[in-house]
Amino acid sequence: AKIESRSWSQRYGEAPRENTVTFIWSAVVSIFALGGLLGSISGNPVKAMIWNNAINVVALGTMVASKSANYFEMILLSRFFFGFTSGLGGSLHILYLGESSPKKIRGMVTLTVATFKAVGKMTGQIAGLSEILGREDWWNILLGVPAFFSIIQMVTLPFFPEAPRYLLIEKGNTEQCKKALQCLWGPGDYKLEIEEMLVEQAAQKGERSKTLLELLRDQSVRWQLLTMFVLNAAIQFGGISVFSFSIFQEAGISIDKIRYVTLGLGVSEILTNFTCVSSTVHQNIKNIFALSLFDCVYTVCRGGSSHFGALGKI
């Protein structure tokens, strides 16, 4: 929080109050989620992914420059950009892989978004260790780590074709669709797959894409949306990511060792994702989904009781 204190003191001639610093850092953390919300309702594959990564590079430059410029507003702007690209990138990941993968494994492939998110979080935990980038002098580089992966994507993504279903259904380009299928799936004529896409194209003729508000008002998908909302809310209210530090501290683990113990959470999350992906291939999806819902509700109840119990001791 030193940059906020320096910037505030230089601008107003006095040190900021503790609650002011807390408010600024709360804004730095929460504005990422606001950017993610706006980014998640935008999107259109490969070209959008390239521009998405370009925004990440701009965010990196803003974050690195914020230290020398001594403006905490630059951190807020950079975090908003990173949040926006994360939300947009998550949507594009599902769209591109879902429209590019073979029908038999499409569900399994789209689930990989959760695995990559878990890998991303663990990468951030590793980068944040004091032996690597978790030092006071390198905080601006640490917060800009996501952009380094964006640079790699900007170099490699131009070699990937647009999603075959997008090329045929949205653009109506059968030849480009066939070339994209051959590039992604290997040699073949793929007549059956193209015919299925043409049937889908004919079914969608005359229909336009729904806006977010129209989707929320659509009664035919209301239960699906409600189910997804409950699942995601249960995960967030579980609080294991937020309260893991205090949980480990109460367990008697020294503060300087907790950061290493939390890496175990990252590893277990990745393993869980791999297990769930493989389970959906071999097991009944409805049973797995019901079990997941029960587990989320149980987590909320248990987490809520433990948090309220802790508040009662204060």
C-alpha atoms as a PDB file:
ATOM      1  CA  ALA A   1       0.000   0.000   0.000  1.00  0.00           C
ATOM      2  CA  LYS A   2       3.043   2.275  -0.139  1.00  0.00           C
ATOM      3  CA  ILE A   3       2.325   3.557  -3.638  1.00  0.00           C
ATOM      4  CA  GLU A   4      -1.118   4.747  -2.532  1.00  0.00           C
ATOM      5  CA  SER A   5       0.402   6.503   0.486  1.00  0.00           C
ATOM      6  CA  ARG A   6       3.147   8.148  -1.593  1.00  0.00           C
ATOM      7  CA  SER A   7       0.744   9.203  -4.335  1.00  0.00           C
ATOM      8  CA  TRP A   8      -1.804  10.559  -1.854  1.00  0.00           C
ATOM      9  CA  SER A   9       0.841  12.433   0.193  1.00  0.00           C
ATOM     10  CA  GLN A  10       2.398  13.967  -2.906  1.00  0.00           C
ATOM     11  CA  ARG A  11      -1.000  15.106  -4.194  1.00  0.00           C
ATOM     12  CA  TYR A  12      -2.649  16.334  -0.983  1.00  0.00           C
ATOM     13  CA  GLY A  13       0.354  17.090   1.243  1.00  0.00           C
ATOM     14  CA  GLU A  14      -0.683  14.657   3.993  1.00  0.00           C
ATOM     15  CA  ALA A  15      -0.634  10.909   4.599  1.00  0.00           C
ATOM     16  CA  PRO A  16      -3.886   9.088   3.867  1.00  0.00           C
ATOM     17  CA  ARG A  17      -5.923   7.597   6.692  1.00  0.00           C
ATOM     18  CA  GLU A  18      -5.903   3.857   7.191  1.00  0.00           C
ATOM     19  CA  ASN A  19      -9.519   3.477   6.045  1.00  0.00           C
ATOM     20  CA  THR A  20      -8.681   5.457   2.879  1.00  0.00           C
ATOM     21  CA  VAL A  21      -5.858   3.070   2.020  1.00  0.00           C
ATOM     22  CA  THR A  22      -8.156   0.108   2.741  1.00  0.00           C
ATOM     23  CA  PHE A  23     -10.822   1.580   0.462  1.00  0.00           C
ATOM     24  CA  ILE A  24      -8.325   2.113  -2.384  1.00  0.00           C
ATOM     25  CA  TRP A  25      -7.003  -1.454  -2.145  1.00  0.00           C
ATOM     26  CA  SER A  26     -10.556  -2.791  -1.953  1.00  0.00           C
ATOM     27  CA  ALA A  27     -11.276  -0.921  -5.181  1.00  0.00           C
ATOM     28  CA  VAL A  28      -8.112  -2.364  -6.772  1.00  0.00           C
ATOM     29  CA  VAL A  29      -9.273  -5.886  -5.929  1.00  0.00           C
ATOM     30  CA  SER A  30     -12.968  -5.507  -6.779  1.00  0.00           C
ATOM     31  CA  ILE A  31     -12.558  -3.584 -10.051  1.00  0.00           C
ATOM     32  CA  PHE A  32     -11.074  -6.755 -11.546  1.00  0.00           C
ATOM     33  CA  ALA A  33     -14.457  -8.456 -11.038  1.00  0.00           C
ATOM     34  CA  LEU A  34     -16.287  -5.497 -12.619  1.00  0.00           C
ATOM     35  CA  GLY A  35     -14.060  -5.728 -15.677  1.00  0.00           C
ATOM     36  CA  GLY A  36     -14.640  -9.489 -15.767  1.00  0.00           C
ATOM     37  CA  LEU A  37     -18.410  -8.982 -15.743  1.00  0.00           C
ATOM     38  CA  LEU A  38     -18.276  -6.580 -18.696  1.00  0.00           C
ATOM     39  CA  GLY A  39     -15.817  -8.787 -20.574  1.00  0.00           C
ATOM     40  CA  SER A  40     -17.846 -11.961 -20.102  1.00  0.00           C
ATOM     41  CA  ILE A  41     -20.835 -10.568 -22.029  1.00  0.00           C
ATOM     42  CA  SER A  42     -18.695  -9.698 -25.062  1.00  0.00           C
ATOM     43  CA  GLY A  43     -16.932 -11.926 -27.570  1.00  0.00           C
ATOM     44  CA  ASN A  44     -16.296 -13.513 -30.996  1.00  0.00           C
ATOM     45  CA  PRO A  45     -13.456 -16.087 -31.475  1.00  0.00           C
ATOM     46  CA  VAL A  46      -9.869 -15.906 -32.879  1.00  0.00           C
ATOM     47  CA  LYS A  47      -9.670 -12.239 -33.953  1.00  0.00           C
ATOM     48  CA  ALA A  48     -11.307 -11.179 -30.688  1.00  0.00           C
ATOM     49  CA  MET A  49      -8.798 -13.306 -28.771  1.00  0.00           C
ATOM     50  CA  ILE A  50      -5.908 -11.500 -30.475  1.00  0.00           C
ATOM     51  CA  TRP A  51      -7.360  -8.089 -29.600  1.00  0.00           C
ATOM     52  CA  ASN A  52      -8.127  -9.357 -26.118  1.00  0.00           C
ATOM     53  CA  ASN A  53      -4.456 -10.180 -25.621  1.00  0.00           C
ATOM     54  CA  ALA A  54      -3.481  -6.781 -27.030  1.00  0.00           C
ATOM     55  CA  ILE A  55      -5.543  -5.143 -24.264  1.00  0.00           C
ATOM     56  CA  ASN A  56      -3.634  -7.305 -21.772  1.00  0.00           C
ATOM     57  CA  VAL A  57      -0.332  -5.930 -23.088  1.00  0.00           C
ATOM     58  CA  VAL A  58      -1.668  -2.374 -22.643  1.00  0.00           C
ATOM     59  CA  ALA A  59      -2.682  -3.328 -19.085  1.00  0.00           C
ATOM     60  CA  LEU A  60       0.847  -4.628 -18.465  1.00  0.00           C
ATOM     61  CA  GLY A  61       2.388  -1.353 -19.645  1.00  0.00           C
ATOM     62  CA  THR A  62       0.015   0.616 -17.419  1.00  0.00           C
ATOM     63  CA  MET A  63       0.787  -1.553 -14.400  1.00  0.00           C
ATOM     64  CA  VAL A  64       4.580  -1.387 -14.854  1.00  0.00           C
ATOM     65  CA  ALA A  65       4.487   2.387 -15.414  1.00  0.00           C
ATOM     66  CA  SER A  66       2.295   2.991 -12.352  1.00  0.00           C
ATOM     67  CA  LYS A  67       5.244   2.558  -9.995  1.00  0.00           C
ATOM     68  CA  SER A  68       7.443   5.219 -11.579  1.00  0.00           C
ATOM     69  CA  ALA A  69       4.485   7.517 -12.346  1.00  0.00           C
ATOM     70  CA  ASN A  70       3.343   7.203  -8.719  1.00  0.00           C
ATOM     71  CA  TYR A  71      -0.367   7.111  -9.638  1.00  0.00           C
ATOM     72  CA  PHE A  72      -2.549   4.499  -7.931  1.00  0.00           C
ATOM     73  CA  GLU A  73      -5.276   5.273 -10.499  1.00  0.00           C
ATOM     74  CA  MET A  74      -3.086   3.529 -13.078  1.00  0.00           C
ATOM     75  CA  ILE A  75      -3.268   0.358 -10.969  1.00  0.00           C
ATOM     76  CA  LEU A  76      -7.066   0.624 -10.931  1.00  0.00           C
ATOM     77  CA  LEU A  77      -7.150   1.069 -14.713  1.00  0.00           C
ATOM     78  CA  SER A  78      -4.777  -1.837 -15.283  1.00  0.00           C
ATOM     79  CA  ARG A  79      -6.734  -4.143 -12.984  1.00  0.00           C
ATOM     80  CA  PHE A  80      -9.949  -3.215 -14.816  1.00  0.00           C
ATOM     81  CA  PHE A  81      -8.317  -4.110 -18.151  1.00  0.00           C
ATOM     82  CA  PHE A  82      -7.031  -7.414 -16.756  1.00  0.00           C
ATOM     83  CA  GLY A  83     -10.496  -8.213 -15.410  1.00  0.00           C
ATOM     84  CA  PHE A  84     -12.140  -7.360 -18.734  1.00  0.00           C
ATOM     85  CA  THR A  85      -9.756  -9.578 -20.696  1.00  0.00           C
ATOM     86  CA  SER A  86     -10.183 -12.408 -18.179  1.00  0.00           C
ATOM     87  CA  GLY A  87     -13.959 -12.320 -18.508  1.00  0.00           C
ATOM     88  CA  LEU A  88     -13.823 -12.058 -22.307  1.00  0.00           C
ATOM     89  CA  GLY A  89     -11.096 -14.707 -22.555  1.00  0.00           C
ATOM     90  CA  GLY A  90     -13.110 -17.161 -20.454  1.00  0.00           C
ATOM     91  CA  SER A  91     -16.129 -16.771 -22.747  1.00  0.00           C
ATOM     92  CA  LEU A  92     -14.013 -17.056 -25.897  1.00  0.00           C
ATOM     93  CA  HIS A  93     -12.281 -20.163 -24.559  1.00  0.00           C
ATOM     94  CA  ILE A  94     -15.605 -21.986 -24.223  1.00  0.00           C
ATOM     95  CA  LEU A  95     -16.961 -20.664 -27.540  1.00  0.00           C
ATOM     96  CA  TYR A  96     -13.910 -21.523 -29.606  1.00  0.00           C
ATOM     97  CA  LEU A  97     -13.281 -24.976 -28.154  1.00  0.00           C
ATOM     98  CA  GLY A  98     -16.988 -25.837 -28.188  1.00  0.00           C
ATOM     99  CA  GLU A  99     -17.343 -24.897 -31.856  1.00  0.00           C
ATOM    100  CA  SER A 100     -14.030 -26.481 -32.893  1.00  0.00           C
ATOM    101  CA  SER A 101     -14.103 -29.835 -31.111  1.00  0.00           C
ATOM    102  CA  PRO A 102     -15.679 -33.092 -32.397  1.00  0.00           C
ATOM    103  CA  LYS A 103     -19.212 -33.741 -31.159  1.00  0.00           C
ATOM    104  CA  LYS A 104     -18.223 -36.815 -29.097  1.00  0.00           C
ATOM    105  CA  ILE A 105     -15.799 -34.901 -26.869  1.00  0.00           C
ATOM    106  CA  ARG A 106     -17.311 -31.407 -27.063  1.00  0.00           C
ATOM    107  CA  GLY A 107     -18.659 -31.459 -23.513  1.00  0.00           C
ATOM    108  CA  MET A 108     -15.391 -32.709 -22.067  1.00  0.00           C
ATOM    109  CA  VAL A 109     -13.337 -30.144 -24.007  1.00  0.00           C
ATOM    110  CA  THR A 110     -15.444 -27.177 -22.889  1.00  0.00           C
ATOM    111  CA  LEU A 111     -14.974 -28.268 -19.270  1.00  0.00           C
ATOM    112  CA  THR A 112     -11.244 -27.613 -19.616  1.00  0.00           C
ATOM    113  CA  VAL A 113     -11.920 -23.932 -18.903  1.00  0.00           C
ATOM    114  CA  ALA A 114     -12.171 -24.826 -15.195  1.00  0.00           C
ATOM    115  CA  THR A 115      -8.890 -26.742 -15.377  1.00  0.00           C
ATOM    116  CA  PHE A 116      -7.063 -23.849 -17.020  1.00  0.00           C
ATOM    117  CA  LYS A 117      -8.464 -21.434 -14.442  1.00  0.00           C
ATOM    118  CA  ALA A 118      -7.127 -23.675 -11.672  1.00  0.00           C
ATOM    119  CA  VAL A 119      -3.725 -23.844 -13.398  1.00  0.00           C
ATOM    120  CA  GLY A 120      -3.777 -20.042 -13.763  1.00  0.00           C
ATOM    121  CA  LYS A 121      -4.508 -19.526 -10.074  1.00  0.00           C
ATOM    122  CA  MET A 122      -1.737 -21.896  -9.069  1.00  0.00           C
ATOM    123  CA  THR A 123       0.688 -20.145 -11.441  1.00  0.00           C
ATOM    124  CA  GLY A 124      -0.192 -16.874  -9.720  1.00  0.00           C
ATOM    125  CA  GLN A 125       0.410 -18.435  -6.293  1.00  0.00           C
ATOM    126  CA  ILE A 126       3.823 -19.695  -7.391  1.00  0.00           C
ATOM    127  CA  ALA A 127       4.773 -16.355  -8.973  1.00  0.00           C
ATOM    128  CA  GLY A 128       3.708 -14.601  -5.747  1.00  0.00           C
ATOM    129  CA  LEU A 129       6.200 -16.494  -3.573  1.00  0.00           C
ATOM    130  CA  SER A 130       8.823 -14.225  -1.983  1.00  0.00           C
ATOM    131  CA  GLU A 131      11.574 -16.256  -3.675  1.00  0.00           C
ATOM    132  CA  ILE A 132      10.180 -15.333  -7.109  1.00  0.00           C
ATOM    133  CA  LEU A 133       8.160 -12.107  -7.625  1.00  0.00           C
ATOM    134  CA  GLY A 134       6.472 -11.691  -4.226  1.00  0.00           C
ATOM    135  CA  ARG A 135       8.782  -8.853  -3.186  1.00  0.00           C
ATOM    136  CA  GLU A 136       8.075  -5.215  -2.481  1.00  0.00           C
ATOM    137  CA  ASP A 137      10.204  -3.986  -5.408  1.00  0.00           C
ATOM    138  CA  TRP A 138       8.555  -6.269  -7.970  1.00  0.00           C
ATOM    139  CA  TRP A 139       4.853  -5.974  -7.136  1.00  0.00           C
ATOM    140  CA  ASN A 140       4.047  -4.142 -10.400  1.00  0.00           C
ATOM    141  CA  ILE A 141       5.644  -6.940 -12.431  1.00  0.00           C
ATOM    142  CA  LEU A 142       3.835  -9.600 -10.379  1.00  0.00           C
ATOM    143  CA  LEU A 143       0.442  -8.006 -11.053  1.00  0.00           C
ATOM    144  CA  GLY A 144       1.272  -7.916 -14.764  1.00  0.00           C
ATOM    145  CA  VAL A 145       2.211 -11.596 -15.091  1.00  0.00           C
ATOM    146  CA  PRO A 146      -0.950 -12.521 -17.103  1.00  0.00           C
ATOM    147  CA  ALA A 147       0.197 -10.287 -19.967  1.00  0.00           C
ATOM    148  CA  PHE A 148       3.326 -12.380 -20.553  1.00  0.00           C
ATOM    149  CA  PHE A 149       1.086 -15.304 -21.526  1.00  0.00           C
ATOM    150  CA  SER A 150      -0.890 -12.921 -23.749  1.00  0.00           C
ATOM    151  CA  ILE A 151       2.269 -12.107 -25.712  1.00  0.00           C
ATOM    152  CA  ILE A 152       2.726 -15.842 -26.401  1.00  0.00           C
ATOM    153  CA  GLN A 153      -0.896 -16.093 -27.564  1.00  0.00           C
ATOM    154  CA  MET A 154      -0.552 -13.080 -29.856  1.00  0.00           C
ATOM    155  CA  VAL A 155       2.300 -14.850 -31.625  1.00  0.00           C
ATOM    156  CA  THR A 156       0.586 -18.255 -31.901  1.00  0.00           C
ATOM    157  CA  LEU A 157      -3.120 -17.448 -32.425  1.00  0.00           C
ATOM    158  CA  PRO A 158      -2.752 -16.137 -36.021  1.00  0.00           C
ATOM    159  CA  PHE A 159      -1.803 -19.694 -37.026  1.00  0.00           C
ATOM    160  CA  PHE A 160      -5.151 -21.044 -35.765  1.00  0.00           C
ATOM    161  CA  PRO A 161      -8.247 -21.015 -38.006  1.00  0.00           C
ATOM    162  CA  GLU A 162     -11.598 -19.568 -37.041  1.00  0.00           C
ATOM    163  CA  ALA A 163     -14.042 -22.042 -35.445  1.00  0.00           C
ATOM    164  CA  PRO A 164     -15.531 -24.296 -38.190  1.00  0.00           C
ATOM    165  CA  ARG A 165     -19.118 -23.877 -36.945  1.00  0.00           C
ATOM    166  CA  TYR A 166     -18.686 -20.100 -36.878  1.00  0.00           C
ATOM    167  CA  LEU A 167     -17.318 -20.070 -40.446  1.00  0.00           C
ATOM    168  CA  LEU A 168     -20.225 -22.120 -41.787  1.00  0.00           C
ATOM    169  CA  ILE A 169     -23.231 -21.095 -39.678  1.00  0.00           C
ATOM    170  CA  GLU A 170     -22.405 -17.403 -39.214  1.00  0.00           C
ATOM    171  CA  LYS A 171     -20.312 -16.658 -42.315  1.00  0.00           C
ATOM    172  CA  GLY A 172     -21.814 -19.244 -44.687  1.00  0.00           C
ATOM    173  CA  ASN A 173     -18.343 -20.198 -45.998  1.00  0.00           C
ATOM    174  CA  THR A 174     -18.351 -23.972 -46.587  1.00  0.00           C
ATOM    175  CA  GLU A 175     -14.864 -24.110 -48.117  1.00  0.00           C
ATOM    176  CA  GLN A 176     -13.221 -22.252 -45.231  1.00  0.00           C
ATOM    177  CA  CYS A 177     -15.147 -24.443 -42.787  1.00  0.00           C
ATOM    178  CA  LYS A 178     -13.768 -27.594 -44.437  1.00  0.00           C
ATOM    179  CA  LYS A 179     -10.214 -26.216 -44.365  1.00  0.00           C
ATOM    180  CA  ALA A 180     -10.599 -25.340 -40.675  1.00  0.00           C
ATOM    181  CA  LEU A 181     -11.842 -28.868 -39.881  1.00  0.00           C
ATOM    182  CA  GLN A 182      -8.879 -30.387 -41.733  1.00  0.00           C
ATOM    183  CA  CYS A 183      -6.477 -28.086 -39.896  1.00  0.00           C
ATOM    184  CA  LEU A 184      -7.901 -28.902 -36.463  1.00  0.00           C
ATOM    185  CA  TRP A 185      -8.990 -32.544 -36.866  1.00  0.00           C
ATOM    186  CA  GLY A 186      -6.615 -33.816 -39.558  1.00  0.00           C
ATOM    187  CA  PRO A 187      -7.188 -34.933 -43.182  1.00  0.00           C
ATOM    188  CA  GLY A 188     -10.735 -35.939 -44.235  1.00  0.00           C
ATOM    189  CA  ASP A 189     -13.784 -34.735 -46.166  1.00  0.00           C
ATOM    190  CA  TYR A 190     -16.068 -34.344 -43.080  1.00  0.00           C
ATOM    191  CA  LYS A 191     -19.254 -34.395 -45.191  1.00  0.00           C
ATOM    192  CA  LEU A 192     -21.411 -35.660 -42.319  1.00  0.00           C
ATOM    193  CA  GLU A 193     -20.211 -32.932 -39.942  1.00  0.00           C
ATOM    194  CA  ILE A 194     -20.746 -30.206 -42.545  1.00  0.00           C
ATOM    195  CA  GLU A 195     -24.244 -31.534 -43.286  1.00  0.00           C
ATOM    196  CA  GLU A 196     -25.124 -31.374 -39.581  1.00  0.00           C
ATOM    197  CA  MET A 197     -23.911 -27.773 -39.469  1.00  0.00           C
ATOM    198  CA  LEU A 198     -25.979 -26.919 -42.553  1.00  0.00           C
ATOM    199  CA  VAL A 199     -29.083 -28.361 -40.861  1.00  0.00           C
ATOM    200  CA  GLU A 200     -28.348 -26.221 -37.809  1.00  0.00           C
ATOM    201  CA  GLN A 201     -27.799 -23.194 -40.060  1.00  0.00           C
ATOM    202  CA  ALA A 202     -31.175 -23.765 -41.727  1.00  0.00           C
ATOM    203  CA  ALA A 203     -32.867 -24.076 -38.327  1.00  0.00           C
ATOM    204  CA  GLN A 204     -31.374 -20.786 -37.176  1.00  0.00           C
ATOM    205  CA  LYS A 205     -32.221 -18.891 -40.381  1.00  0.00           C
ATOM    206  CA  GLY A 206     -34.200 -15.767 -39.597  1.00  0.00           C
ATOM    207  CA  GLU A 207     -33.308 -15.878 -35.899  1.00  0.00           C
ATOM    208  CA  ARG A 208     -31.023 -13.329 -34.287  1.00  0.00           C
ATOM    209  CA  SER A 209     -28.777 -13.703 -31.275  1.00  0.00           C
ATOM    210  CA  LYS A 210     -30.429 -12.855 -27.981  1.00  0.00           C
ATOM    211  CA  THR A 211     -29.196 -10.039 -25.790  1.00  0.00           C
ATOM    212  CA  LEU A 212     -28.298 -10.675 -22.159  1.00  0.00           C
ATOM    213  CA  LEU A 213     -31.594  -9.232 -20.910  1.00  0.00           C
ATOM    214  CA  GLU A 214     -33.582 -11.312 -23.404  1.00  0.00           C
ATOM    215  CA  LEU A 215     -31.757 -14.440 -22.259  1.00  0.00           C
ATOM    216  CA  LEU A 216     -32.527 -13.690 -18.615  1.00  0.00           C
ATOM    217  CA  ARG A 217     -36.202 -13.202 -19.474  1.00  0.00           C
ATOM    218  CA  ASP A 218     -36.432 -16.393 -21.525  1.00  0.00           C
ATOM    219  CA  GLN A 219     -38.531 -18.855 -19.492  1.00  0.00           C
ATOM    220  CA  SER A 220     -37.309 -21.869 -21.501  1.00  0.00           C
ATOM    221  CA  VAL A 221     -33.805 -21.555 -20.007  1.00  0.00           C
ATOM    222  CA  ARG A 222     -34.757 -20.126 -16.618  1.00  0.00           C
ATOM    223  CA  TRP A 223     -34.093 -23.341 -14.673  1.00  0.00           C
ATOM    224  CA  GLN A 224     -30.709 -23.814 -16.375  1.00  0.00           C
ATOM    225  CA  LEU A 225     -29.679 -20.250 -15.506  1.00  0.00           C
ATOM    226  CA  LEU A 226     -30.938 -20.632 -11.932  1.00  0.00           C
ATOM    227  CA  THR A 227     -29.007 -23.887 -11.517  1.00  0.00           C
ATOM    228  CA  MET A 228     -25.770 -22.297 -12.790  1.00  0.00           C
ATOM    229  CA  PHE A 229     -26.321 -19.311 -10.516  1.00  0.00           C
ATOM    230  CA  VAL A 230     -26.795 -21.523  -7.444  1.00  0.00           C
ATOM    231  CA  LEU A 231     -23.699 -23.582  -8.253  1.00  0.00           C
ATOM    232  CA  ASN A 232     -21.455 -20.554  -8.785  1.00  0.00           C
ATOM    233  CA  ALA A 233     -22.870 -18.735  -5.764  1.00  0.00           C
ATOM    234  CA  ALA A 234     -22.252 -21.816  -3.610  1.00  0.00           C
ATOM    235  CA  ILE A 235     -18.635 -21.951  -4.776  1.00  0.00           C
ATOM    236  CA  GLN A 236     -18.123 -18.272  -3.938  1.00  0.00           C
ATOM    237  CA  PHE A 237     -19.835 -18.434  -0.543  1.00  0.00           C
ATOM    238  CA  GLY A 238     -17.785 -21.517   0.359  1.00  0.00           C
ATOM    239  CA  GLY A 239     -14.985 -19.045   1.064  1.00  0.00           C
ATOM    240  CA  ILE A 240     -12.084 -21.512   1.072  1.00  0.00           C
ATOM    241  CA  SER A 241      -9.930 -19.219  -1.083  1.00  0.00           C
ATOM    242  CA  VAL A 242     -10.693 -16.195   1.094  1.00  0.00           C
ATOM    243  CA  PHE A 243     -10.466 -17.818   4.529  1.00  0.00           C
ATOM    244  CA  SER A 244      -7.693 -20.348   3.871  1.00  0.00           C
ATOM    245  CA  PHE A 245      -5.082 -18.051   5.476  1.00  0.00           C
ATOM    246  CA  SER A 246      -6.970 -17.744   8.777  1.00  0.00           C
ATOM    247  CA  ILE A 247      -7.888 -21.452   8.716  1.00  0.00           C
ATOM    248  CA  PHE A 248      -4.245 -22.503   8.403  1.00  0.00           C
ATOM    249  CA  GLN A 249      -3.191 -19.928  10.999  1.00  0.00           C
ATOM    250  CA  GLU A 250      -5.693 -21.312  13.498  1.00  0.00           C
ATOM    251  CA  ALA A 251      -4.378 -24.797  12.718  1.00  0.00           C
ATOM    252  CA  GLY A 252      -1.005 -23.718  14.129  1.00  0.00           C
ATOM    253  CA  ILE A 253       0.918 -23.285  10.869  1.00  0.00           C
ATOM    254  CA  SER A 254       3.420 -20.415  11.001  1.00  0.00           C
ATOM    255  CA  ILE A 255       2.623 -17.368   8.858  1.00  0.00           C
ATOM    256  CA  ASP A 256       5.779 -17.681   6.746  1.00  0.00           C
ATOM    257  CA  LYS A 257       4.823 -21.265   5.813  1.00  0.00           C
ATOM    258  CA  ILE A 258       1.151 -20.699   4.957  1.00  0.00           C
ATOM    259  CA  ARG A 259       1.931 -19.476   1.433  1.00  0.00           C
ATOM    260  CA  TYR A 260       3.505 -22.849   0.678  1.00  0.00           C
ATOM    261  CA  VAL A 261       0.615 -24.787   2.216  1.00  0.00           C
ATOM    262  CA  THR A 262      -1.887 -22.894   0.035  1.00  0.00           C
ATOM    263  CA  LEU A 263      -0.107 -24.289  -2.995  1.00  0.00           C
ATOM    264  CA  GLY A 264      -1.597 -27.612  -1.922  1.00  0.00           C
ATOM    265  CA  LEU A 265      -5.060 -26.107  -2.465  1.00  0.00           C
ATOM    266  CA  GLY A 266      -4.052 -25.235  -6.010  1.00  0.00           C
ATOM    267  CA  VAL A 267      -2.779 -28.752  -6.680  1.00  0.00           C
ATOM    268  CA  SER A 268      -5.934 -30.350  -5.231  1.00  0.00           C
ATOM    269  CA  GLU A 269      -8.139 -28.062  -7.357  1.00  0.00           C
ATOM    270  CA  ILE A 270      -6.303 -29.097 -10.519  1.00  0.00           C
ATOM    271  CA  LEU A 271      -6.561 -32.789  -9.612  1.00  0.00           C
ATOM    272  CA  THR A 272     -10.276 -32.365  -8.856  1.00  0.00           C
ATOM    273  CA  ASN A 273     -10.836 -30.781 -12.254  1.00  0.00           C
ATOM    274  CA  PHE A 274      -9.049 -33.623 -14.028  1.00  0.00           C
ATOM    275  CA  THR A 275     -11.109 -36.137 -12.058  1.00  0.00           C
ATOM    276  CA  CYS A 276     -14.406 -34.400 -12.870  1.00  0.00           C
ATOM    277  CA  VAL A 277     -13.581 -34.158 -16.579  1.00  0.00           C
ATOM    278  CA  SER A 278     -12.752 -37.854 -16.783  1.00  0.00           C
ATOM    279  CA  SER A 279     -15.843 -38.751 -14.723  1.00  0.00           C
ATOM    280  CA  THR A 280     -18.188 -36.948 -17.115  1.00  0.00           C
ATOM    281  CA  VAL A 281     -16.893 -39.122 -19.936  1.00  0.00           C
ATOM    282  CA  HIS A 282     -17.495 -42.453 -18.206  1.00  0.00           C
ATOM    283  CA  GLN A 283     -20.323 -41.784 -15.749  1.00  0.00           C
ATOM    284  CA  ASN A 284     -23.915 -40.564 -15.768  1.00  0.00           C
ATOM    285  CA  ILE A 285     -23.737 -36.759 -16.002  1.00  0.00           C
ATOM    286  CA  LYS A 286     -27.037 -36.222 -14.175  1.00  0.00           C
ATOM    287  CA  ASN A 287     -25.809 -38.164 -11.149  1.00  0.00           C
ATOM    288  CA  ILE A 288     -22.538 -36.242 -11.077  1.00  0.00           C
ATOM    289  CA  PHE A 289     -24.376 -32.932 -11.404  1.00  0.00           C
ATOM    290  CA  ALA A 290     -26.742 -33.774  -8.544  1.00  0.00           C
ATOM    291  CA  LEU A 291     -23.815 -34.808  -6.350  1.00  0.00           C
ATOM    292  CA  SER A 292     -21.982 -31.568  -7.186  1.00  0.00           C
ATOM    293  CA  LEU A 293     -25.040 -29.495  -6.286  1.00  0.00           C
ATOM    294  CA  PHE A 294     -25.426 -31.313  -2.957  1.00  0.00           C
ATOM    295  CA  ASP A 295     -21.723 -30.803  -2.229  1.00  0.00           C
ATOM    296  CA  CYS A 296     -21.944 -27.066  -2.965  1.00  0.00           C
ATOM    297  CA  VAL A 297     -24.972 -26.625  -0.690  1.00  0.00           C
ATOM    298  CA  TYR A 298     -23.202 -28.598   2.047  1.00  0.00           C
ATOM    299  CA  THR A 299     -20.129 -26.391   1.656  1.00  0.00           C
ATOM    300  CA  VAL A 300     -22.199 -23.221   2.031  1.00  0.00           C
ATOM    301  CA  CYS A 301     -23.968 -24.525   5.161  1.00  0.00           C
ATOM    302  CA  ARG A 302     -20.790 -25.730   6.809  1.00  0.00           C
ATOM    303  CA  GLY A 303     -18.766 -22.671   5.771  1.00  0.00           C
ATOM    304  CA  GLY A 304     -21.516 -20.319   6.936  1.00  0.00           C
ATOM    305  CA  SER A 305     -21.838 -22.017  10.327  1.00  0.00           C
ATOM    306  CA  SER A 306     -18.078 -21.926  10.909  1.00  0.00           C
ATOM    307  CA  HIS A 307     -17.845 -18.242   9.925  1.00  0.00           C
ATOM    308  CA  PHE A 308     -20.777 -17.224  12.135  1.00  0.00           C
ATOM    309  CA  GLY A 309     -19.292 -19.308  14.935  1.00  0.00           C
ATOM    310  CA  ALA A 310     -16.015 -17.474  14.584  1.00  0.00           C
ATOM    311  CA  LEU A 311     -17.837 -14.121  14.644  1.00  0.00           C
ATOM    312  CA  GLY A 312     -19.579 -15.165  17.839  1.00  0.00           C
ATOM    313  CA  LYS A 313     -16.228 -15.596  19.583  1.00  0.00           C
ATOM    314  CA  ILE A 314     -15.121 -12.070  18.725  1.00  0.00           C
END
